[in-house]
N, C-alpha and C. Protein backbone atom coordinates (compact mmCIF):
# COMPACT_ATOMS: atom_id res chain seq x y z
N MET A 1 102.37 112.76 83.26
CA MET A 1 101.11 111.99 83.46
C MET A 1 99.88 112.69 83.28
N GLU A 2 98.81 112.18 83.15
CA GLU A 2 97.40 112.82 82.96
C GLU A 2 97.00 113.13 84.29
N ARG A 3 96.35 114.18 84.36
CA ARG A 3 95.71 114.78 85.87
C ARG A 3 94.67 114.27 85.93
N LEU A 4 94.23 113.88 87.18
CA LEU A 4 92.97 113.41 87.55
C LEU A 4 91.88 114.60 87.73
N PRO A 5 90.48 114.53 87.35
CA PRO A 5 89.77 115.49 87.38
C PRO A 5 89.27 115.88 88.70
N GLU A 6 89.37 115.06 89.88
CA GLU A 6 88.84 115.15 91.16
C GLU A 6 90.01 115.88 92.03
N ASP A 7 89.45 116.27 93.12
CA ASP A 7 90.60 116.73 93.97
C ASP A 7 90.90 115.55 94.90
N ALA A 8 92.19 115.39 95.36
CA ALA A 8 92.48 114.37 96.17
C ALA A 8 91.82 113.72 97.14
N HIS A 9 91.29 114.67 98.02
CA HIS A 9 90.27 114.22 99.22
C HIS A 9 89.01 113.66 98.50
N ARG A 10 88.45 114.29 97.56
CA ARG A 10 87.19 113.78 97.10
C ARG A 10 87.44 112.20 96.48
N VAL A 11 88.52 112.27 95.82
CA VAL A 11 88.90 110.55 95.39
C VAL A 11 88.88 109.72 96.60
N ALA A 12 89.62 109.95 97.47
CA ALA A 12 89.79 109.05 98.60
C ALA A 12 88.44 108.84 99.34
N GLU A 13 87.70 110.11 99.44
CA GLU A 13 86.45 109.62 100.22
C GLU A 13 85.42 108.86 99.37
N GLU A 14 85.48 108.92 97.89
CA GLU A 14 84.50 108.36 97.07
C GLU A 14 85.20 106.73 97.10
N ILE A 15 86.28 106.47 97.14
CA ILE A 15 86.75 104.99 97.35
C ILE A 15 86.09 104.59 98.37
N PHE A 16 86.47 105.25 99.64
CA PHE A 16 86.04 104.50 101.00
C PHE A 16 84.61 104.28 101.10
N SER A 17 83.97 105.06 100.35
CA SER A 17 82.52 105.10 100.43
C SER A 17 81.61 103.89 99.51
N LEU A 18 82.61 103.36 98.74
CA LEU A 18 82.16 102.06 97.93
C LEU A 18 81.35 101.03 98.71
N ARG A 19 80.19 100.38 98.17
CA ARG A 19 79.69 99.52 98.75
C ARG A 19 79.93 98.21 98.00
N ARG A 20 79.81 97.09 98.68
CA ARG A 20 80.20 95.70 98.21
C ARG A 20 79.41 95.52 96.77
N GLY A 21 80.13 95.39 95.57
CA GLY A 21 79.49 95.21 94.33
C GLY A 21 79.28 96.45 93.63
N VAL A 22 79.72 97.49 93.88
CA VAL A 22 79.92 98.53 93.19
C VAL A 22 81.25 99.20 93.07
N ILE A 23 81.47 99.41 91.63
CA ILE A 23 82.77 99.80 91.39
C ILE A 23 82.69 100.87 90.51
N THR A 24 83.25 101.95 90.86
CA THR A 24 83.22 103.04 89.88
C THR A 24 84.24 103.08 88.74
N ASP A 25 83.67 103.86 87.85
CA ASP A 25 84.84 103.94 86.80
C ASP A 25 86.23 104.90 87.19
N LYS A 26 85.90 105.76 88.06
CA LYS A 26 86.83 106.42 88.59
C LYS A 26 87.95 105.72 89.44
N LEU A 27 87.33 104.75 90.34
CA LEU A 27 88.40 103.78 90.92
C LEU A 27 89.18 102.90 89.98
N THR A 28 88.40 102.40 88.91
CA THR A 28 89.15 101.52 87.84
C THR A 28 90.00 102.49 87.33
N THR A 29 89.97 103.77 86.90
CA THR A 29 90.98 104.53 86.30
C THR A 29 92.19 104.77 87.16
N VAL A 30 91.99 104.94 88.36
CA VAL A 30 93.18 105.33 89.28
C VAL A 30 94.00 104.14 89.35
N LEU A 31 93.11 102.78 89.21
CA LEU A 31 94.01 101.41 89.55
C LEU A 31 94.66 101.04 88.31
N ARG A 32 94.09 101.46 87.19
CA ARG A 32 95.04 101.05 86.02
C ARG A 32 96.14 102.13 85.63
N LYS A 33 95.95 103.43 86.43
CA LYS A 33 97.01 104.29 86.31
C LYS A 33 98.39 103.72 87.23
N LEU A 34 97.91 103.11 88.27
CA LEU A 34 99.04 102.46 89.24
C LEU A 34 99.54 101.28 88.41
N ARG A 35 98.87 100.59 87.69
CA ARG A 35 99.47 99.61 86.91
C ARG A 35 100.44 100.28 85.96
N LYS A 36 99.92 100.99 85.22
CA LYS A 36 100.77 101.70 84.21
C LYS A 36 102.04 102.34 84.83
N MET A 37 102.18 102.71 86.23
CA MET A 37 103.27 103.28 86.79
C MET A 37 104.18 102.09 87.37
N GLY A 38 103.72 100.67 87.10
CA GLY A 38 104.58 99.90 87.64
C GLY A 38 104.14 99.08 88.83
N ILE A 39 103.21 99.61 89.44
CA ILE A 39 102.84 99.28 90.90
C ILE A 39 102.13 97.71 90.62
N ARG A 40 102.54 96.82 91.10
CA ARG A 40 101.93 95.30 90.90
C ARG A 40 101.32 94.79 92.04
N ALA A 41 101.58 95.56 93.02
CA ALA A 41 100.77 94.85 94.48
C ALA A 41 100.45 96.10 95.20
N ILE A 42 99.36 95.82 95.97
CA ILE A 42 99.03 97.00 97.13
C ILE A 42 98.18 96.25 98.00
N THR A 43 98.56 96.70 99.34
CA THR A 43 97.50 96.18 100.44
C THR A 43 96.41 96.98 100.60
N VAL A 44 95.04 96.36 100.77
CA VAL A 44 93.86 97.11 100.69
C VAL A 44 93.12 96.82 102.20
N ASP A 45 92.23 97.54 102.49
CA ASP A 45 91.38 97.42 103.78
C ASP A 45 89.99 96.67 103.58
N SER A 46 89.76 96.40 102.42
CA SER A 46 88.40 95.80 102.42
C SER A 46 88.31 94.96 101.16
N ARG A 47 87.46 93.86 101.14
CA ARG A 47 87.11 93.08 99.98
C ARG A 47 86.47 93.87 98.94
N VAL A 48 86.01 94.87 99.07
CA VAL A 48 85.56 95.60 97.87
C VAL A 48 86.60 96.37 97.18
N LEU A 49 87.70 96.78 97.93
CA LEU A 49 88.82 97.37 96.88
C LEU A 49 89.65 96.17 96.47
N ALA A 50 89.63 95.22 97.02
CA ALA A 50 90.38 94.06 96.58
C ALA A 50 89.70 93.58 95.17
N SER A 51 88.39 93.47 95.24
CA SER A 51 87.63 93.13 94.01
C SER A 51 87.91 94.20 92.96
N ALA A 52 87.91 95.30 93.38
CA ALA A 52 88.10 96.51 92.25
C ALA A 52 89.36 96.24 91.52
N ILE A 53 90.31 96.17 92.37
CA ILE A 53 91.89 96.04 92.00
C ILE A 53 91.91 94.78 91.09
N ARG A 54 91.47 93.64 91.27
CA ARG A 54 91.57 92.51 90.74
C ARG A 54 90.79 92.82 89.27
N GLU A 55 89.66 93.57 89.41
CA GLU A 55 89.05 93.75 87.87
C GLU A 55 89.74 94.66 87.20
N ALA A 56 90.53 95.66 87.83
CA ALA A 56 91.53 96.74 86.81
C ALA A 56 92.44 96.12 86.07
N GLY A 57 92.60 94.59 86.60
CA GLY A 57 93.67 93.84 85.77
C GLY A 57 95.08 93.53 86.39
N GLY A 58 95.36 92.37 86.77
CA GLY A 58 96.53 91.68 87.04
C GLY A 58 97.20 92.16 88.57
N VAL A 59 96.55 92.87 89.03
CA VAL A 59 97.42 93.45 90.44
C VAL A 59 97.23 92.54 91.76
N GLN A 60 98.20 91.98 92.08
CA GLN A 60 98.14 91.07 93.30
C GLN A 60 97.59 91.80 94.32
N VAL A 61 96.69 91.20 95.26
CA VAL A 61 95.86 91.81 96.17
C VAL A 61 96.12 91.03 97.58
N LYS A 62 96.33 91.72 98.52
CA LYS A 62 96.44 91.34 100.06
C LYS A 62 95.25 92.09 100.64
N ILE A 63 94.51 91.41 101.49
CA ILE A 63 93.39 92.34 102.21
C ILE A 63 93.95 92.44 103.81
N ASP A 64 93.94 93.59 104.33
CA ASP A 64 94.29 93.80 105.74
C ASP A 64 93.52 95.05 106.07
N ASP A 65 92.46 94.61 106.88
CA ASP A 65 91.48 95.62 107.42
C ASP A 65 92.10 96.81 108.48
N ARG A 66 93.40 96.43 109.01
CA ARG A 66 94.03 97.24 109.92
C ARG A 66 94.62 98.40 109.10
N ALA A 67 94.82 98.36 107.70
CA ALA A 67 95.54 99.34 106.96
C ALA A 67 94.81 100.55 106.55
N ALA A 68 93.27 100.60 106.96
CA ALA A 68 92.60 101.85 106.78
C ALA A 68 93.05 102.91 106.57
N ARG A 69 93.44 103.70 107.93
CA ARG A 69 93.90 104.99 107.88
C ARG A 69 95.12 105.11 106.97
N VAL A 70 95.96 104.24 107.05
CA VAL A 70 97.28 104.37 105.99
C VAL A 70 96.93 104.59 104.62
N LEU A 71 95.77 103.67 104.26
CA LEU A 71 95.35 103.80 102.75
C LEU A 71 94.60 104.98 102.55
N ARG A 72 93.99 105.48 103.40
CA ARG A 72 93.34 106.91 103.00
C ARG A 72 94.34 108.01 102.87
N LYS A 73 95.25 107.95 103.69
CA LYS A 73 96.51 108.87 103.70
C LYS A 73 97.24 108.64 102.23
N ASP A 74 97.44 107.25 102.00
CA ASP A 74 98.33 107.11 100.78
C ASP A 74 97.40 107.52 99.47
N LEU A 75 96.10 107.23 99.58
CA LEU A 75 95.34 107.80 98.49
C LEU A 75 95.31 108.98 98.16
N VAL A 76 95.49 109.86 99.23
CA VAL A 76 95.52 111.55 99.04
C VAL A 76 96.59 111.57 98.28
N GLU A 77 97.92 111.14 98.87
CA GLU A 77 99.31 111.30 98.39
C GLU A 77 99.40 110.99 96.75
N LEU A 78 98.82 109.45 96.78
CA LEU A 78 98.69 109.14 95.30
C LEU A 78 98.01 110.18 94.33
N ALA A 79 97.14 110.71 94.59
CA ALA A 79 96.25 111.84 93.95
C ALA A 79 97.15 112.94 93.60
N LYS A 80 97.79 113.42 94.57
CA LYS A 80 98.76 114.57 94.50
C LYS A 80 99.93 114.25 93.38
N VAL A 81 100.37 113.07 93.30
CA VAL A 81 101.17 112.53 92.20
C VAL A 81 100.73 112.71 91.08
N PHE A 82 99.46 112.70 90.91
CA PHE A 82 99.05 113.07 89.43
C PHE A 82 98.63 114.46 89.44
N GLY A 83 99.02 115.20 90.14
CA GLY A 83 98.89 116.56 90.05
C GLY A 83 97.56 117.30 90.65
N VAL A 84 96.84 116.59 91.49
CA VAL A 84 95.86 116.87 92.02
C VAL A 84 96.19 117.45 93.64
N ASP A 85 95.73 118.72 93.86
CA ASP A 85 96.06 119.35 95.26
C ASP A 85 95.05 118.82 96.23
């Protein structure tokens, strides 16, 4: 798998700092990699992330605001899967 250029914590922080209507290339890249890995659904904590996931193409989205802490941890772990410490 291709390595992500940013470290895991920075990726997670940037994703969580997105404002409504702002979708970065970085987030889209991560979500496309999820799709290529066969992940077809993910639970997210905000409508901004849900919108970004839909834009990445074909991933089913459920919104759960209580998932914020779990998602932050999972994003850090996901970045580690791509070889980022």
